[in-house]
Amino acid sequence: MTEQRSTRIPQFFLTPGGPCPYLPGRVERKVFARLGGTLAQPLSEALTHSGFRRSQSIAYRPACEGCNACVSVRILADRFVASRGQRRTLKRNADIVRTEVAAEATREQFALLRTYLDSRHPGGGMSDMGLFDYVAMVEETPVATHIVEYRTPDGVLVAAALTDRLKDGLSMVYSFFHPGEVARSLGTYMILNHVRVARQHHLPFVYLGYWVRGSRKMDYKVRFSPLEALTQNGWEAVKVPPEGE
């Protein structure tokens, strides 16, 4: 009986409507399924390829009526070419020390997350996140995942990324950084670093989650080229605007 439960095909559920966090006046709904048992990793990978994202043991994707603004995007790591600005970002962060650690929450990480949320996303969906919630976000996972920590030469944690390892790439589940380090452009740097690591491990893609058309919060994702978006016809190239536009 236990083995049957661990390998069964998951059920999908639809959430009730709620305010969209990205586009004012829109209603957000999501379809989701629970990940668990022996099929968790392959199911998570298959759903990622179909435009789902992971949160703890749940895979979800938007299912909003009359709106398809949320588009799943991924960087073609093996063909990526950094822009002039991105090369400057890499140079400014050449002193950063990158370390992969187990998916185990620490108070140091949580303190950085709180600083990030209070500065960048006050009143957002995660604004009331406590330590217990952070531990659950990091440690309640049925799939291959880890945390990448980024530190200054004197050991100060300035950025972190919760990242899933897939057969064909890296999926950036959630990342955060110290908002006071503006000159470093740490959000951009973490993506560039994931692209570099993916290439080192011969992984073709870095999955960035959703690009939301019309949301300034998500515009940064189309600055990484070449980029693919999941459409009705499958994964297709996205035309990235020239730097500076």
Protein backbone atom coordinates (compact mmCIF):
# COMPACT_ATOMS: atom_id res chain seq x y z
CA MET A 1 0.00 0.00 0.00
CA THR A 2 2.82 2.42 0.91
CA GLU A 3 4.59 1.79 -2.40
CA GLN A 4 1.38 2.44 -4.32
CA ARG A 5 0.94 5.80 -2.59
CA SER A 6 4.53 6.84 -3.31
CA THR A 7 4.33 6.19 -7.06
CA ARG A 8 0.76 7.19 -7.93
CA ILE A 9 -0.02 9.83 -10.54
CA PRO A 10 -0.65 13.12 -8.72
CA GLN A 11 -3.95 14.95 -8.63
CA PHE A 12 -4.11 18.53 -9.86
CA PHE A 13 -6.09 21.21 -8.06
CA LEU A 14 -7.16 24.77 -8.88
CA THR A 15 -6.91 27.59 -6.37
CA PRO A 16 -9.70 30.15 -5.90
CA GLY A 17 -9.17 33.56 -7.44
CA GLY A 18 -7.14 36.22 -5.65
CA PRO A 19 -5.45 39.57 -6.37
CA CYS A 20 -2.57 39.30 -8.87
CA PRO A 21 0.73 40.32 -7.22
CA TYR A 22 2.16 41.61 -10.51
CA LEU A 23 -0.59 43.28 -12.53
CA PRO A 24 -3.07 45.58 -10.73
CA GLY A 25 -6.71 44.75 -11.23
CA ARG A 26 -6.08 41.20 -12.42
CA VAL A 27 -7.24 38.00 -10.71
CA GLU A 28 -4.71 35.23 -10.09
CA ARG A 29 -5.46 31.49 -10.08
CA LYS A 30 -3.03 28.59 -9.99
CA VAL A 31 -3.14 24.90 -10.80
CA PHE A 32 -0.99 22.79 -8.51
CA ALA A 33 -0.02 19.25 -7.58
CA ARG A 34 1.86 17.75 -4.66
CA LEU A 35 5.30 16.25 -5.26
CA GLY A 36 6.20 13.20 -3.22
CA GLY A 37 7.38 9.61 -3.15
CA THR A 38 9.62 7.92 -5.68
CA LEU A 39 8.25 9.97 -8.58
CA ALA A 40 8.98 13.37 -7.05
CA GLN A 41 12.18 14.12 -8.95
CA PRO A 42 11.13 12.97 -12.44
CA LEU A 43 7.68 14.52 -11.97
CA SER A 44 9.22 17.82 -10.89
CA GLU A 45 11.45 17.82 -13.96
CA ALA A 46 8.59 17.00 -16.31
CA LEU A 47 6.41 19.72 -14.80
CA THR A 48 9.26 22.24 -14.96
CA HIS A 49 9.52 21.53 -18.69
CA SER A 50 5.77 22.22 -18.87
CA GLY A 51 6.02 25.61 -17.20
CA PHE A 52 5.49 24.70 -13.53
CA ARG A 53 7.48 26.07 -10.61
CA ARG A 54 8.27 24.38 -7.30
CA SER A 55 7.46 25.67 -3.82
CA GLN A 56 8.38 23.17 -1.09
CA SER A 57 6.55 19.96 -2.08
CA ILE A 58 4.11 21.72 -4.43
CA ALA A 59 4.45 22.27 -8.18
CA TYR A 60 2.28 25.08 -9.55
CA ARG A 61 1.66 27.21 -12.59
CA PRO A 62 -0.68 30.14 -13.38
CA ALA A 63 -4.16 29.28 -14.64
CA CYS A 64 -5.72 32.71 -14.87
CA GLU A 65 -8.87 33.24 -16.93
CA GLY A 66 -8.36 35.57 -19.86
CA CYS A 67 -4.70 36.28 -19.07
CA ASN A 68 -1.46 34.64 -20.19
CA ALA A 69 0.98 37.35 -19.07
CA CYS A 70 3.05 34.92 -16.97
CA VAL A 71 5.47 33.10 -19.27
CA SER A 72 7.99 30.50 -18.15
CA VAL A 73 11.49 31.37 -19.39
CA ARG A 74 14.89 29.72 -19.46
CA ILE A 75 18.38 30.84 -20.49
CA LEU A 76 20.27 28.79 -23.06
CA ALA A 77 23.38 28.51 -20.92
CA ASP A 78 25.59 26.87 -23.53
CA ARG A 79 24.92 29.72 -25.98
CA PHE A 80 24.76 32.60 -23.54
CA VAL A 81 26.77 35.73 -24.33
CA ALA A 82 27.07 38.34 -21.58
CA SER A 83 26.24 41.93 -22.51
CA ARG A 84 28.65 44.76 -21.80
CA GLY A 85 26.80 45.65 -18.61
CA GLN A 86 26.71 42.04 -17.47
CA ARG A 87 30.46 41.74 -18.01
CA ARG A 88 30.92 44.75 -15.77
CA THR A 89 28.76 43.06 -13.14
CA LEU A 90 30.93 39.94 -13.28
CA LYS A 91 34.06 42.06 -12.90
CA ARG A 92 32.66 43.97 -9.91
CA ASN A 93 31.92 40.67 -8.16
CA ALA A 94 35.15 38.87 -8.96
CA ASP A 95 35.94 38.85 -5.23
CA ILE A 96 32.70 37.10 -4.23
CA VAL A 97 33.14 33.62 -2.75
CA ARG A 98 30.52 31.12 -3.94
CA THR A 99 29.71 28.01 -1.89
CA GLU A 100 27.11 25.30 -2.43
CA VAL A 101 25.62 24.07 0.84
CA ALA A 102 22.95 21.56 1.77
CA ALA A 103 19.31 22.69 1.78
CA GLU A 104 19.38 23.44 5.49
CA ALA A 105 18.11 26.80 6.72
CA THR A 106 20.32 28.97 8.93
CA ARG A 107 19.57 32.06 11.00
CA GLU A 108 22.18 33.94 8.99
CA GLN A 109 20.34 33.23 5.75
CA PHE A 110 17.02 34.16 7.32
CA ALA A 111 18.38 37.48 8.62
CA LEU A 112 19.52 38.34 5.09
CA LEU A 113 16.13 37.30 3.67
CA ARG A 114 14.30 39.54 6.15
CA THR A 115 16.52 42.49 5.21
CA TYR A 116 15.81 41.82 1.54
CA LEU A 117 12.04 41.46 1.97
CA ASP A 118 11.69 44.52 4.20
CA SER A 119 13.57 46.65 1.67
CA ARG A 120 12.46 45.25 -1.70
CA HIS A 121 9.03 43.71 -1.09
CA PRO A 122 7.29 45.43 1.86
CA GLY A 123 3.68 44.34 2.01
CA GLY A 124 4.29 41.54 -0.50
CA GLY A 125 3.14 37.94 -0.26
CA MET A 126 6.22 36.94 1.74
CA SER A 127 6.44 40.07 3.90
CA ASP A 128 5.26 38.28 7.06
CA MET A 129 7.55 35.26 6.61
CA GLY A 130 9.02 34.03 9.89
CA LEU A 131 11.91 31.70 10.63
CA PHE A 132 9.60 28.67 10.72
CA ASP A 133 8.31 29.53 7.23
CA TYR A 134 11.83 29.94 5.91
CA VAL A 135 12.88 26.56 7.30
CA ALA A 136 9.90 24.98 5.55
CA MET A 137 10.68 26.75 2.26
CA VAL A 138 14.23 25.43 2.26
CA GLU A 139 14.01 22.03 3.90
CA GLU A 140 10.60 20.66 2.90
CA THR A 141 11.69 19.38 -0.49
CA PRO A 142 11.32 15.95 -2.13
CA VAL A 143 13.74 16.79 -4.96
CA ALA A 144 17.46 17.44 -5.49
CA THR A 145 18.06 20.98 -4.26
CA HIS A 146 20.73 23.06 -2.53
CA ILE A 147 21.54 26.60 -1.44
CA VAL A 148 24.23 28.69 -3.08
CA GLU A 149 25.75 31.21 -0.67
CA TYR A 150 27.65 34.26 -1.87
CA ARG A 151 30.06 35.97 0.55
CA THR A 152 32.43 38.90 0.49
CA PRO A 153 36.15 38.13 1.10
CA ASP A 154 35.66 38.86 4.82
CA GLY A 155 32.95 36.21 5.05
CA VAL A 156 29.81 38.36 5.09
CA LEU A 157 26.80 36.66 3.47
CA VAL A 158 25.42 39.08 0.86
CA ALA A 159 23.31 36.82 -1.35
CA ALA A 160 21.81 33.32 -1.52
CA ALA A 161 19.87 31.22 -3.99
CA LEU A 162 17.73 28.14 -3.41
CA THR A 163 18.37 26.08 -6.54
CA ASP A 164 17.05 22.77 -7.89
CA ARG A 165 19.30 20.51 -9.94
CA LEU A 166 17.60 19.04 -13.03
CA LYS A 167 18.96 16.66 -15.63
CA ASP A 168 19.01 19.47 -18.20
CA GLY A 169 19.75 22.49 -16.06
CA LEU A 170 19.48 24.54 -12.89
CA SER A 171 16.17 25.95 -11.68
CA MET A 172 16.43 29.07 -9.51
CA VAL A 173 13.59 28.55 -7.04
CA TYR A 174 14.18 31.69 -4.98
CA SER A 175 17.06 34.12 -4.55
CA PHE A 176 17.66 37.09 -2.28
CA PHE A 177 20.46 39.54 -1.56
CA HIS A 178 21.51 42.47 0.60
CA PRO A 179 19.76 45.57 -0.75
CA GLY A 180 22.58 47.81 0.45
CA GLU A 181 25.02 46.33 -2.07
CA VAL A 182 23.49 48.26 -4.96
CA ALA A 183 26.71 48.69 -6.94
CA ARG A 184 27.26 44.94 -7.10
CA SER A 185 23.94 44.18 -8.89
CA LEU A 186 23.77 40.94 -6.94
CA GLY A 187 20.49 39.76 -8.46
CA THR A 188 22.01 39.89 -11.93
CA TYR A 189 25.26 38.41 -10.67
CA MET A 190 23.57 35.33 -9.21
CA ILE A 191 21.91 34.57 -12.54
CA LEU A 192 25.19 35.04 -14.41
CA ASN A 193 26.91 32.76 -11.92
CA HIS A 194 24.26 30.06 -12.36
CA VAL A 195 24.76 30.27 -16.12
CA ARG A 196 28.50 29.82 -15.65
CA VAL A 197 28.03 26.81 -13.36
CA ALA A 198 25.48 25.24 -15.72
CA ARG A 199 27.99 25.51 -18.55
CA GLN A 200 30.73 23.98 -16.40
CA HIS A 201 28.48 20.97 -15.76
CA HIS A 202 27.31 20.75 -19.39
CA LEU A 203 23.73 21.63 -18.44
CA PRO A 204 21.99 23.47 -21.28
CA PHE A 205 19.46 25.57 -19.35
CA VAL A 206 18.96 27.88 -16.39
CA TYR A 207 15.26 28.13 -15.52
CA LEU A 208 14.27 31.59 -14.23
CA GLY A 209 10.60 31.06 -13.50
CA TYR A 210 8.04 33.48 -14.89
CA TRP A 211 8.52 36.58 -16.95
CA VAL A 212 5.41 38.71 -16.53
CA ARG A 213 4.66 40.98 -19.46
CA GLY A 214 3.82 44.47 -18.23
CA SER A 215 5.45 43.99 -14.79
CA ARG A 216 8.55 46.10 -14.20
CA LYS A 217 9.53 43.70 -11.41
CA MET A 218 10.09 40.96 -13.99
CA ASP A 219 11.62 42.91 -16.88
CA TYR A 220 15.16 41.97 -15.82
CA LYS A 221 14.64 38.40 -16.99
CA VAL A 222 14.58 39.35 -20.65
CA ARG A 223 18.07 40.85 -20.36
CA PHE A 224 19.66 37.41 -20.63
CA SER A 225 20.21 36.16 -24.15
CA PRO A 226 19.54 33.81 -25.75
CA LEU A 227 16.32 33.24 -23.83
CA GLU A 228 13.46 30.84 -24.51
CA ALA A 229 9.82 31.15 -23.44
CA LEU A 230 7.26 28.37 -23.18
CA THR A 231 4.47 29.04 -25.68
CA GLN A 232 1.58 27.03 -27.08
CA ASN A 233 4.04 25.74 -29.66
CA GLY A 234 6.66 24.71 -27.12
CA TRP A 235 9.86 26.50 -26.12
CA GLU A 236 10.59 29.37 -28.52
CA ALA A 237 13.23 32.09 -28.70
CA VAL A 238 12.49 35.44 -27.06
CA LYS A 239 13.64 38.60 -28.77
CA VAL A 240 15.66 40.43 -26.13
CA PRO A 241 15.71 44.24 -26.34
CA PRO A 242 19.11 45.87 -26.80
CA GLU A 243 20.87 46.94 -23.61
CA GLY A 244 19.76 50.35 -22.49
CA GLU A 245 16.26 50.26 -23.95
